[in-house]
Amino acid sequence: MLPLAYALRPSRTVLCRGTSSIIGSQSCLFSTTSPSSYKAKNNAALTKKKLAAKARKKASTTPTKAPTSVYDAERMTLLDAMHVLRCVEVASPSSTYELTVKTEMKKGTAVPKGRVALPYEPKKKEKDTVLVFADGQQAIDAKAAGADIVGGAEIIEAVASGRLNATTILCTPGLIRAITPRLGRILGPRGMMPSERRGTVTEDIAGYIRRLSGSNEWRGDKKGTIRIPIGKITFPVENVIENVNHFMDSVKKATGNIPQASGKDSNAPKNPIVKVVLSSTQGPGISVSDLL
């Protein structure tokens, strides 16, 4: 028979997690974690460890991507890059130089587009289809200058629906406000919307059309990258350099990197030029340092 005082003392024996074993004095009286949740936590921890181990293993076994060309990390002057490409193309005299200009497409900027008259044409010029938004005497002058399609507000819907197509669209300043609400979102993403910066919104429609006969259109892709054949490998070096300078001036004006003489479109978003690369038909692309 135990003494009463001893019998009334709190018991130090507990049942833990459904077992009937007697636990020592340092054990808990009960567990607040159910067996199922405890198992889930352990599984989650194991999963994280496995994923981390798998990632470390993949990183250690995946080889570092090698440059596709020994010139990928090189920056040369235009003249040096031309000399390298001439050596590469020594057995291919019909090869062509290509210039690639990478611009940054910021919010609100349009796809880079413009026209340039290269002093020494590297390829046969393609025919343009010219559409002009004009009325009155300017419409008459545009037709006389050789425009393929001429009209005012009455042809807006035909252009929007795609029934009328063109490679070049011009507009007089008096009609630009009339066509912008309907055609801005359609022609803008395609780089076809008339713009004062590009010179396609002008009072001198006839003069612009006459200049088309001696110029070529260039256009960037949706990422802002512009590519153009800039000369034949057989061209004299000074001729290629002159072509490059003419083209870069055109790109810088169209992308807002050279202020317009008229001061118009000064607040328009600009496309900064981030890289210029010269390549050839079979040669590597070489980053040019003196054209930015």
C-alpha atoms as a PDB file:
ATOM      1  CA  MET A   1       0.000   0.000   0.000  1.00  0.00           C
ATOM      2  CA  LEU A   2       1.560   3.329  -1.094  1.00  0.00           C
ATOM      3  CA  PRO A   3       1.428   6.409   1.064  1.00  0.00           C
ATOM      4  CA  LEU A   4      -1.303   8.872   0.084  1.00  0.00           C
ATOM      5  CA  ALA A   5       1.157  11.734  -0.625  1.00  0.00           C
ATOM      6  CA  TYR A   6       3.171   9.551  -2.967  1.00  0.00           C
ATOM      7  CA  ALA A   7       0.072   8.318  -4.774  1.00  0.00           C
ATOM      8  CA  LEU A   8      -1.148  11.858  -5.440  1.00  0.00           C
ATOM      9  CA  ARG A   9       2.118  12.991  -7.095  1.00  0.00           C
ATOM     10  CA  PRO A  10       1.822  13.768 -10.880  1.00  0.00           C
ATOM     11  CA  SER A  11       2.710  10.756 -12.900  1.00  0.00           C
ATOM     12  CA  ARG A  12       5.864  10.993 -15.003  1.00  0.00           C
ATOM     13  CA  THR A  13       4.764   8.211 -17.282  1.00  0.00           C
ATOM     14  CA  VAL A  14       3.069   9.109 -20.559  1.00  0.00           C
ATOM     15  CA  LEU A  15       1.849   7.439 -23.682  1.00  0.00           C
ATOM     16  CA  CYS A  16       3.399   8.943 -26.855  1.00  0.00           C
ATOM     17  CA  ARG A  17       2.181   8.489 -30.441  1.00  0.00           C
ATOM     18  CA  GLY A  18      -0.237   5.752 -29.646  1.00  0.00           C
ATOM     19  CA  THR A  19       2.280   3.458 -27.918  1.00  0.00           C
ATOM     20  CA  SER A  20       1.929   1.997 -24.458  1.00  0.00           C
ATOM     21  CA  SER A  21       5.601   2.233 -23.534  1.00  0.00           C
ATOM     22  CA  ILE A  22       6.588   4.178 -20.478  1.00  0.00           C
ATOM     23  CA  ILE A  23       8.602   7.304 -21.340  1.00  0.00           C
ATOM     24  CA  GLY A  24      11.192   8.862 -19.099  1.00  0.00           C
ATOM     25  CA  SER A  25      10.765  12.047 -17.130  1.00  0.00           C
ATOM     26  CA  GLN A  26      12.100  14.259 -19.952  1.00  0.00           C
ATOM     27  CA  SER A  27       9.527  13.081 -22.500  1.00  0.00           C
ATOM     28  CA  CYS A  28       6.540  15.116 -23.668  1.00  0.00           C
ATOM     29  CA  LEU A  29       3.080  14.342 -22.368  1.00  0.00           C
ATOM     30  CA  PHE A  30       1.659  14.148 -25.909  1.00  0.00           C
ATOM     31  CA  SER A  31       2.560  14.888 -29.559  1.00  0.00           C
ATOM     32  CA  THR A  32       0.889  17.784 -31.446  1.00  0.00           C
ATOM     33  CA  THR A  33       2.071  16.479 -34.831  1.00  0.00           C
ATOM     34  CA  SER A  34       0.032  13.789 -36.477  1.00  0.00           C
ATOM     35  CA  PRO A  35       1.935  10.922 -38.071  1.00  0.00           C
ATOM     36  CA  SER A  36       0.690  11.839 -41.569  1.00  0.00           C
ATOM     37  CA  SER A  37       1.802  15.507 -41.426  1.00  0.00           C
ATOM     38  CA  TYR A  38       5.141  14.524 -39.916  1.00  0.00           C
ATOM     39  CA  LYS A  39       5.706  12.127 -42.821  1.00  0.00           C
ATOM     40  CA  ALA A  40       4.720  14.817 -45.368  1.00  0.00           C
ATOM     41  CA  LYS A  41       7.241  17.260 -43.900  1.00  0.00           C
ATOM     42  CA  ASN A  42       9.974  14.662 -44.056  1.00  0.00           C
ATOM     43  CA  ASN A  43       9.093  13.873 -47.672  1.00  0.00           C
ATOM     44  CA  ALA A  44       9.170  17.588 -48.591  1.00  0.00           C
ATOM     45  CA  ALA A  45      12.596  17.984 -47.018  1.00  0.00           C
ATOM     46  CA  LEU A  46      13.876  14.926 -48.846  1.00  0.00           C
ATOM     47  CA  THR A  47      12.453  16.197 -52.145  1.00  0.00           C
ATOM     48  CA  LYS A  48      14.231  19.546 -51.763  1.00  0.00           C
ATOM     49  CA  LYS A  49      17.495  17.788 -50.982  1.00  0.00           C
ATOM     50  CA  LYS A  50      17.109  15.527 -54.013  1.00  0.00           C
ATOM     51  CA  LEU A  51      16.364  18.469 -56.297  1.00  0.00           C
ATOM     52  CA  ALA A  52      19.362  20.393 -54.970  1.00  0.00           C
ATOM     53  CA  ALA A  53      21.619  17.373 -55.442  1.00  0.00           C
ATOM     54  CA  LYS A  54      20.279  16.859 -58.969  1.00  0.00           C
ATOM     55  CA  ALA A  55      20.926  20.505 -59.840  1.00  0.00           C
ATOM     56  CA  ARG A  56      24.500  20.301 -58.516  1.00  0.00           C
ATOM     57  CA  LYS A  57      25.131  17.148 -60.519  1.00  0.00           C
ATOM     58  CA  LYS A  58      23.739  18.701 -63.709  1.00  0.00           C
ATOM     59  CA  ALA A  59      25.834  21.829 -63.230  1.00  0.00           C
ATOM     60  CA  SER A  60      28.994  19.780 -62.768  1.00  0.00           C
ATOM     61  CA  THR A  61      28.386  17.577 -65.822  1.00  0.00           C
ATOM     62  CA  THR A  62      27.041  20.216 -68.259  1.00  0.00           C
ATOM     63  CA  PRO A  63      29.945  21.662 -70.261  1.00  0.00           C
ATOM     64  CA  THR A  64      30.259  25.418 -70.582  1.00  0.00           C
ATOM     65  CA  LYS A  65      28.875  26.599 -73.925  1.00  0.00           C
ATOM     66  CA  ALA A  66      31.779  27.337 -76.215  1.00  0.00           C
ATOM     67  CA  PRO A  67      31.736  30.390 -78.516  1.00  0.00           C
ATOM     68  CA  THR A  68      30.413  29.611 -81.983  1.00  0.00           C
ATOM     69  CA  SER A  69      33.270  31.616 -83.450  1.00  0.00           C
ATOM     70  CA  VAL A  70      36.687  32.745 -82.292  1.00  0.00           C
ATOM     71  CA  TYR A  71      35.535  36.265 -83.158  1.00  0.00           C
ATOM     72  CA  ASP A  72      32.507  36.240 -80.821  1.00  0.00           C
ATOM     73  CA  ALA A  73      34.434  38.001 -78.059  1.00  0.00           C
ATOM     74  CA  GLU A  74      36.430  40.226 -80.431  1.00  0.00           C
ATOM     75  CA  ARG A  75      35.794  43.881 -81.245  1.00  0.00           C
ATOM     76  CA  MET A  76      37.538  45.326 -84.289  1.00  0.00           C
ATOM     77  CA  THR A  77      37.513  48.486 -86.312  1.00  0.00           C
ATOM     78  CA  LEU A  78      35.525  48.347 -89.530  1.00  0.00           C
ATOM     79  CA  LEU A  79      38.711  48.250 -91.602  1.00  0.00           C
ATOM     80  CA  ASP A  80      40.222  45.350 -89.626  1.00  0.00           C
ATOM     81  CA  ALA A  81      36.965  43.377 -89.792  1.00  0.00           C
ATOM     82  CA  MET A  82      36.875  43.813 -93.573  1.00  0.00           C
ATOM     83  CA  HIS A  83      40.449  42.532 -93.900  1.00  0.00           C
ATOM     84  CA  VAL A  84      39.614  39.394 -91.883  1.00  0.00           C
ATOM     85  CA  LEU A  85      36.517  38.657 -93.970  1.00  0.00           C
ATOM     86  CA  ARG A  86      38.403  39.187 -97.229  1.00  0.00           C
ATOM     87  CA  CYS A  87      40.891  36.528 -96.120  1.00  0.00           C
ATOM     88  CA  VAL A  88      38.058  34.123 -95.255  1.00  0.00           C
ATOM     89  CA  GLU A  89      36.365  34.687 -98.628  1.00  0.00           C
ATOM     90  CA  VAL A  90      39.533  34.551-100.728  1.00  0.00           C
ATOM     91  CA  ALA A  91      38.142  31.620-102.752  1.00  0.00           C
ATOM     92  CA  SER A  92      34.641  33.142-103.082  1.00  0.00           C
ATOM     93  CA  PRO A  93      34.891  36.460-104.927  1.00  0.00           C
ATOM     94  CA  SER A  94      31.105  36.603-105.396  1.00  0.00           C
ATOM     95  CA  SER A  95      30.468  36.765-101.638  1.00  0.00           C
ATOM     96  CA  THR A  96      28.773  39.739-100.009  1.00  0.00           C
ATOM     97  CA  TYR A  97      29.368  41.763 -96.859  1.00  0.00           C
ATOM     98  CA  GLU A  98      26.355  41.981 -94.538  1.00  0.00           C
ATOM     99  CA  LEU A  99      25.922  44.577 -91.810  1.00  0.00           C
ATOM    100  CA  THR A 100      23.775  43.753 -88.771  1.00  0.00           C
ATOM    101  CA  VAL A 101      22.659  46.540 -86.446  1.00  0.00           C
ATOM    102  CA  LYS A 102      21.067  45.546 -83.145  1.00  0.00           C
ATOM    103  CA  THR A 103      18.841  48.171 -81.539  1.00  0.00           C
ATOM    104  CA  GLU A 104      17.056  48.125 -78.205  1.00  0.00           C
ATOM    105  CA  MET A 105      13.272  47.910 -78.475  1.00  0.00           C
ATOM    106  CA  LYS A 106      12.007  50.056 -75.613  1.00  0.00           C
ATOM    107  CA  LYS A 107       8.371  50.479 -74.643  1.00  0.00           C
ATOM    108  CA  GLY A 108       6.545  52.641 -77.156  1.00  0.00           C
ATOM    109  CA  THR A 109       9.183  52.376 -79.884  1.00  0.00           C
ATOM    110  CA  ALA A 110       8.305  51.266 -83.394  1.00  0.00           C
ATOM    111  CA  VAL A 111      10.077  48.657 -85.494  1.00  0.00           C
ATOM    112  CA  PRO A 112      13.089  50.437 -87.057  1.00  0.00           C
ATOM    113  CA  LYS A 113      12.534  51.200 -90.723  1.00  0.00           C
ATOM    114  CA  GLY A 114      13.868  53.611 -93.320  1.00  0.00           C
ATOM    115  CA  ARG A 115      15.338  54.135 -96.757  1.00  0.00           C
ATOM    116  CA  VAL A 116      18.892  54.607 -97.905  1.00  0.00           C
ATOM    117  CA  ALA A 117      20.539  55.336-101.235  1.00  0.00           C
ATOM    118  CA  LEU A 118      23.830  53.460-101.124  1.00  0.00           C
ATOM    119  CA  PRO A 119      26.538  55.056-103.279  1.00  0.00           C
ATOM    120  CA  TYR A 120      27.574  51.602-104.547  1.00  0.00           C
ATOM    121  CA  GLU A 121      24.620  49.225-104.847  1.00  0.00           C
ATOM    122  CA  PRO A 122      25.490  45.602-103.908  1.00  0.00           C
ATOM    123  CA  LYS A 123      22.337  44.032-105.350  1.00  0.00           C
ATOM    124  CA  LYS A 124      19.576  44.642-107.844  1.00  0.00           C
ATOM    125  CA  LYS A 125      16.900  46.984-106.543  1.00  0.00           C
ATOM    126  CA  GLU A 126      13.391  45.621-105.993  1.00  0.00           C
ATOM    127  CA  LYS A 127      10.381  47.585-107.208  1.00  0.00           C
ATOM    128  CA  ASP A 128       8.324  49.450-104.618  1.00  0.00           C
ATOM    129  CA  THR A 129       4.555  49.695-104.478  1.00  0.00           C
ATOM    130  CA  VAL A 130       3.805  53.218-103.259  1.00  0.00           C
ATOM    131  CA  LEU A 131       0.530  54.207-101.586  1.00  0.00           C
ATOM    132  CA  VAL A 132      -0.091  57.894-100.868  1.00  0.00           C
ATOM    133  CA  PHE A 133      -2.659  59.544 -98.614  1.00  0.00           C
ATOM    134  CA  ALA A 134      -3.166  62.931-100.256  1.00  0.00           C
ATOM    135  CA  ASP A 135      -5.858  65.106-101.745  1.00  0.00           C
ATOM    136  CA  GLY A 136      -6.120  68.077-104.063  1.00  0.00           C
ATOM    137  CA  GLN A 137      -3.038  69.151-105.982  1.00  0.00           C
ATOM    138  CA  GLN A 138      -0.750  66.912-103.901  1.00  0.00           C
ATOM    139  CA  ALA A 139      -2.722  63.856-105.026  1.00  0.00           C
ATOM    140  CA  ILE A 140      -2.358  64.951-108.650  1.00  0.00           C
ATOM    141  CA  ASP A 141       1.404  65.477-108.169  1.00  0.00           C
ATOM    142  CA  ALA A 142       1.759  62.053-106.521  1.00  0.00           C
ATOM    143  CA  LYS A 143       0.093  60.310-109.457  1.00  0.00           C
ATOM    144  CA  ALA A 144       2.270  62.211-111.908  1.00  0.00           C
ATOM    145  CA  ALA A 145       5.397  61.175-109.956  1.00  0.00           C
ATOM    146  CA  GLY A 146       4.489  57.497-110.278  1.00  0.00           C
ATOM    147  CA  ALA A 147       2.576  56.574-107.105  1.00  0.00           C
ATOM    148  CA  ASP A 148       0.725  53.277-107.501  1.00  0.00           C
ATOM    149  CA  ILE A 149      -2.227  54.081-105.187  1.00  0.00           C
ATOM    150  CA  VAL A 150      -3.419  57.585-104.275  1.00  0.00           C
ATOM    151  CA  GLY A 151      -6.407  58.558-102.150  1.00  0.00           C
ATOM    152  CA  GLY A 152      -7.662  60.386 -99.098  1.00  0.00           C
ATOM    153  CA  ALA A 153      -9.778  59.316 -96.139  1.00  0.00           C
ATOM    154  CA  GLU A 154     -11.928  57.161 -98.434  1.00  0.00           C
ATOM    155  CA  ILE A 155      -9.198  54.483 -98.758  1.00  0.00           C
ATOM    156  CA  ILE A 156      -8.484  54.140 -95.019  1.00  0.00           C
ATOM    157  CA  GLU A 157     -10.792  51.126 -94.577  1.00  0.00           C
ATOM    158  CA  ALA A 158      -9.389  49.397 -97.656  1.00  0.00           C
ATOM    159  CA  VAL A 159      -5.884  49.698 -96.205  1.00  0.00           C
ATOM    160  CA  ALA A 160      -7.041  48.542 -92.761  1.00  0.00           C
ATOM    161  CA  SER A 161      -8.753  45.450 -94.187  1.00  0.00           C
ATOM    162  CA  GLY A 162      -5.786  44.524 -96.366  1.00  0.00           C
ATOM    163  CA  ARG A 163      -7.526  45.061 -99.689  1.00  0.00           C
ATOM    164  CA  LEU A 164      -4.914  47.682-100.562  1.00  0.00           C
ATOM    165  CA  ASN A 165      -1.275  46.751 -99.940  1.00  0.00           C
ATOM    166  CA  ALA A 166       1.979  48.597-100.491  1.00  0.00           C
ATOM    167  CA  THR A 167       5.653  48.430 -99.606  1.00  0.00           C
ATOM    168  CA  THR A 168       5.817  52.185 -98.918  1.00  0.00           C
ATOM    169  CA  ILE A 169       3.057  54.395 -97.493  1.00  0.00           C
ATOM    170  CA  LEU A 170       3.292  58.185 -97.607  1.00  0.00           C
ATOM    171  CA  CYS A 171       0.986  60.818 -96.160  1.00  0.00           C
ATOM    172  CA  THR A 172       0.607  64.575 -96.239  1.00  0.00           C
ATOM    173  CA  PRO A 173       0.668  66.450 -92.896  1.00  0.00           C
ATOM    174  CA  GLY A 174      -2.946  67.463 -93.443  1.00  0.00           C
ATOM    175  CA  LEU A 175      -4.197  63.848 -93.455  1.00  0.00           C
ATOM    176  CA  ILE A 176      -1.991  62.222 -90.825  1.00  0.00           C
ATOM    177  CA  ARG A 177      -4.469  62.971 -88.016  1.00  0.00           C
ATOM    178  CA  ALA A 178      -7.271  61.410 -90.049  1.00  0.00           C
ATOM    179  CA  ILE A 179      -5.495  58.104 -90.658  1.00  0.00           C
ATOM    180  CA  THR A 180      -3.733  57.622 -87.295  1.00  0.00           C
ATOM    181  CA  PRO A 181      -6.737  56.536 -85.141  1.00  0.00           C
ATOM    182  CA  ARG A 182      -7.709  53.749 -87.564  1.00  0.00           C
ATOM    183  CA  LEU A 183      -4.364  52.684 -89.004  1.00  0.00           C
ATOM    184  CA  GLY A 184      -1.887  53.374 -86.204  1.00  0.00           C
ATOM    185  CA  ARG A 185      -2.298  49.995 -84.499  1.00  0.00           C
ATOM    186  CA  ILE A 186      -2.382  48.133 -87.808  1.00  0.00           C
ATOM    187  CA  LEU A 187       0.529  49.729 -89.658  1.00  0.00           C
ATOM    188  CA  GLY A 188       2.640  50.647 -86.620  1.00  0.00           C
ATOM    189  CA  PRO A 189       3.726  47.115 -85.586  1.00  0.00           C
ATOM    190  CA  ARG A 190       4.610  46.396 -89.226  1.00  0.00           C
ATOM    191  CA  GLY A 191       6.764  49.512 -89.475  1.00  0.00           C
ATOM    192  CA  MET A 192       4.506  50.889 -92.216  1.00  0.00           C
ATOM    193  CA  MET A 193       2.903  53.853 -90.427  1.00  0.00           C
ATOM    194  CA  PRO A 194       3.903  57.197 -91.988  1.00  0.00           C
ATOM    195  CA  SER A 195       6.208  59.167 -89.688  1.00  0.00           C
ATOM    196  CA  GLU A 196       7.811  62.592 -89.778  1.00  0.00           C
ATOM    197  CA  ARG A 197      11.029  61.097 -88.415  1.00  0.00           C
ATOM    198  CA  ARG A 198      11.266  58.681 -91.349  1.00  0.00           C
ATOM    199  CA  GLY A 199      10.305  61.366 -93.826  1.00  0.00           C
ATOM    200  CA  THR A 200       7.141  59.566 -94.930  1.00  0.00           C
ATOM    201  CA  VAL A 201       4.915  62.395 -93.663  1.00  0.00           C
ATOM    202  CA  THR A 202       5.827  65.204 -96.027  1.00  0.00           C
ATOM    203  CA  GLU A 203       4.482  68.042 -98.134  1.00  0.00           C
ATOM    204  CA  ASP A 204       6.857  67.072-100.952  1.00  0.00           C
ATOM    205  CA  ILE A 205       5.228  63.762-101.875  1.00  0.00           C
ATOM    206  CA  ALA A 206       6.376  63.939-105.495  1.00  0.00           C
ATOM    207  CA  GLY A 207       9.977  64.588-104.465  1.00  0.00           C
ATOM    208  CA  TYR A 208       9.966  61.615-102.094  1.00  0.00           C
ATOM    209  CA  ILE A 209       8.620  59.319-104.821  1.00  0.00           C
ATOM    210  CA  ARG A 210      11.339  60.455-107.219  1.00  0.00           C
ATOM    211  CA  ARG A 211      13.986  59.685-104.588  1.00  0.00           C
ATOM    212  CA  LEU A 212      12.601  56.152-104.209  1.00  0.00           C
ATOM    213  CA  SER A 213      13.964  55.210-107.604  1.00  0.00           C
ATOM    214  CA  GLY A 214      17.519  55.512-106.294  1.00  0.00           C
ATOM    215  CA  SER A 215      17.068  54.097-102.787  1.00  0.00           C
ATOM    216  CA  ASN A 216      16.338  50.851-100.977  1.00  0.00           C
ATOM    217  CA  GLU A 217      14.132  50.179 -97.992  1.00  0.00           C
ATOM    218  CA  TRP A 218      15.585  48.600 -94.853  1.00  0.00           C
ATOM    219  CA  ARG A 219      13.533  47.256 -91.983  1.00  0.00           C
ATOM    220  CA  GLY A 220      14.268  45.694 -88.591  1.00  0.00           C
ATOM    221  CA  ASP A 221      12.606  42.612 -87.136  1.00  0.00           C
ATOM    222  CA  LYS A 222      10.380  42.601 -84.040  1.00  0.00           C
ATOM    223  CA  LYS A 223      13.490  42.410 -81.830  1.00  0.00           C
ATOM    224  CA  GLY A 224      14.955  45.536 -83.409  1.00  0.00           C
ATOM    225  CA  THR A 225      17.665  43.780 -85.447  1.00  0.00           C
ATOM    226  CA  ILE A 226      18.416  45.235 -88.890  1.00  0.00           C
ATOM    227  CA  ARG A 227      20.309  43.328 -91.603  1.00  0.00           C
ATOM    228  CA  ILE A 228      21.377  44.601 -94.997  1.00  0.00           C
ATOM    229  CA  PRO A 229      23.850  43.566 -97.737  1.00  0.00           C
ATOM    230  CA  ILE A 230      26.376  46.386 -97.669  1.00  0.00           C
ATOM    231  CA  GLY A 231      28.792  45.540-100.485  1.00  0.00           C
ATOM    232  CA  LYS A 232      30.516  42.871-102.522  1.00  0.00           C
ATOM    233  CA  ILE A 233      33.789  41.349-101.329  1.00  0.00           C
ATOM    234  CA  THR A 234      35.301  42.545-104.611  1.00  0.00           C
ATOM    235  CA  PHE A 235      34.347  46.197-103.945  1.00  0.00           C
ATOM    236  CA  PRO A 236      37.254  48.533-103.133  1.00  0.00           C
ATOM    237  CA  VAL A 237      37.587  49.032 -99.374  1.00  0.00           C
ATOM    238  CA  GLU A 238      36.748  52.743 -99.564  1.00  0.00           C
ATOM    239  CA  ASN A 239      33.489  51.978-101.429  1.00  0.00           C
ATOM    240  CA  VAL A 240      32.314  49.573 -98.731  1.00  0.00           C
ATOM    241  CA  ILE A 241      33.197  52.074 -95.989  1.00  0.00           C
ATOM    242  CA  GLU A 242      31.197  54.773 -97.795  1.00  0.00           C
ATOM    243  CA  ASN A 243      28.200  52.420 -98.052  1.00  0.00           C
ATOM    244  CA  VAL A 244      28.450  51.579 -94.345  1.00  0.00           C
ATOM    245  CA  ASN A 245      28.589  55.250 -93.330  1.00  0.00           C
ATOM    246  CA  HIS A 246      25.555  56.122 -95.476  1.00  0.00           C
ATOM    247  CA  PHE A 247      23.577  53.241 -94.022  1.00  0.00           C
ATOM    248  CA  MET A 248      24.514  53.997 -90.403  1.00  0.00           C
ATOM    249  CA  ASP A 249      23.462  57.636 -90.864  1.00  0.00           C
ATOM    250  CA  SER A 250      20.079  56.444 -92.134  1.00  0.00           C
ATOM    251  CA  VAL A 251      19.636  54.048 -89.195  1.00  0.00           C
ATOM    252  CA  LYS A 252      20.657  56.633 -86.596  1.00  0.00           C
ATOM    253  CA  LYS A 253      18.199  59.180 -87.979  1.00  0.00           C
ATOM    254  CA  ALA A 254      15.334  56.686 -88.164  1.00  0.00           C
ATOM    255  CA  THR A 255      15.956  55.393 -84.626  1.00  0.00           C
ATOM    256  CA  GLY A 256      16.311  58.860 -83.095  1.00  0.00           C
ATOM    257  CA  ASN A 257      20.055  58.641 -82.425  1.00  0.00           C
ATOM    258  CA  ILE A 258      20.679  61.704 -84.629  1.00  0.00           C
ATOM    259  CA  PRO A 259      18.353  64.697 -83.986  1.00  0.00           C
ATOM    260  CA  GLN A 260      16.259  65.768 -86.951  1.00  0.00           C
ATOM    261  CA  ALA A 261      17.226  69.132 -88.432  1.00  0.00           C
ATOM    262  CA  SER A 262      13.592  70.262 -88.224  1.00  0.00           C
ATOM    263  CA  GLY A 263      13.383  69.378 -84.527  1.00  0.00           C
ATOM    264  CA  LYS A 264      10.232  67.323 -85.163  1.00  0.00           C
ATOM    265  CA  ASP A 265       9.640  64.044 -83.346  1.00  0.00           C
ATOM    266  CA  SER A 266      12.192  65.166 -80.719  1.00  0.00           C
ATOM    267  CA  ASN A 267      10.086  63.651 -77.929  1.00  0.00           C
ATOM    268  CA  ALA A 268       9.520  60.338 -79.704  1.00  0.00           C
ATOM    269  CA  PRO A 269      10.976  57.216 -78.024  1.00  0.00           C
ATOM    270  CA  LYS A 270      14.419  56.273 -79.309  1.00  0.00           C
ATOM    271  CA  ASN A 271      15.921  52.882 -80.202  1.00  0.00           C
ATOM    272  CA  PRO A 272      19.482  52.913 -78.820  1.00  0.00           C
ATOM    273  CA  ILE A 273      22.019  51.085 -80.994  1.00  0.00           C
ATOM    274  CA  VAL A 274      23.678  48.419 -78.850  1.00  0.00           C
ATOM    275  CA  LYS A 275      25.797  46.451 -81.339  1.00  0.00           C
ATOM    276  CA  VAL A 276      27.001  46.516 -84.953  1.00  0.00           C
ATOM    277  CA  VAL A 277      28.301  43.330 -86.593  1.00  0.00           C
ATOM    278  CA  LEU A 278      29.969  42.871 -89.983  1.00  0.00           C
ATOM    279  CA  SER A 279      29.846  39.424 -91.576  1.00  0.00           C
ATOM    280  CA  SER A 280      30.096  37.828 -95.004  1.00  0.00           C
ATOM    281  CA  THR A 281      28.477  34.971 -96.914  1.00  0.00           C
ATOM    282  CA  GLN A 282      30.734  32.290 -95.432  1.00  0.00           C
ATOM    283  CA  GLY A 283      32.616  34.329 -92.843  1.00  0.00           C
ATOM    284  CA  PRO A 284      32.032  34.921 -89.121  1.00  0.00           C
ATOM    285  CA  GLY A 285      30.217  37.851 -87.570  1.00  0.00           C
ATOM    286  CA  ILE A 286      32.674  40.407 -86.152  1.00  0.00           C
ATOM    287  CA  SER A 287      31.575  43.102 -83.709  1.00  0.00           C
ATOM    288  CA  VAL A 288      32.627  46.520 -85.025  1.00  0.00           C
ATOM    289  CA  SER A 289      33.821  49.006 -82.424  1.00  0.00           C
ATOM    290  CA  ASP A 290      33.902  52.285 -84.353  1.00  0.00           C
ATOM    291  CA  LEU A 291      30.314  52.486 -85.660  1.00  0.00           C
ATOM    292  CA  LEU A 292      28.293  52.978 -82.444  1.00  0.00           C
END
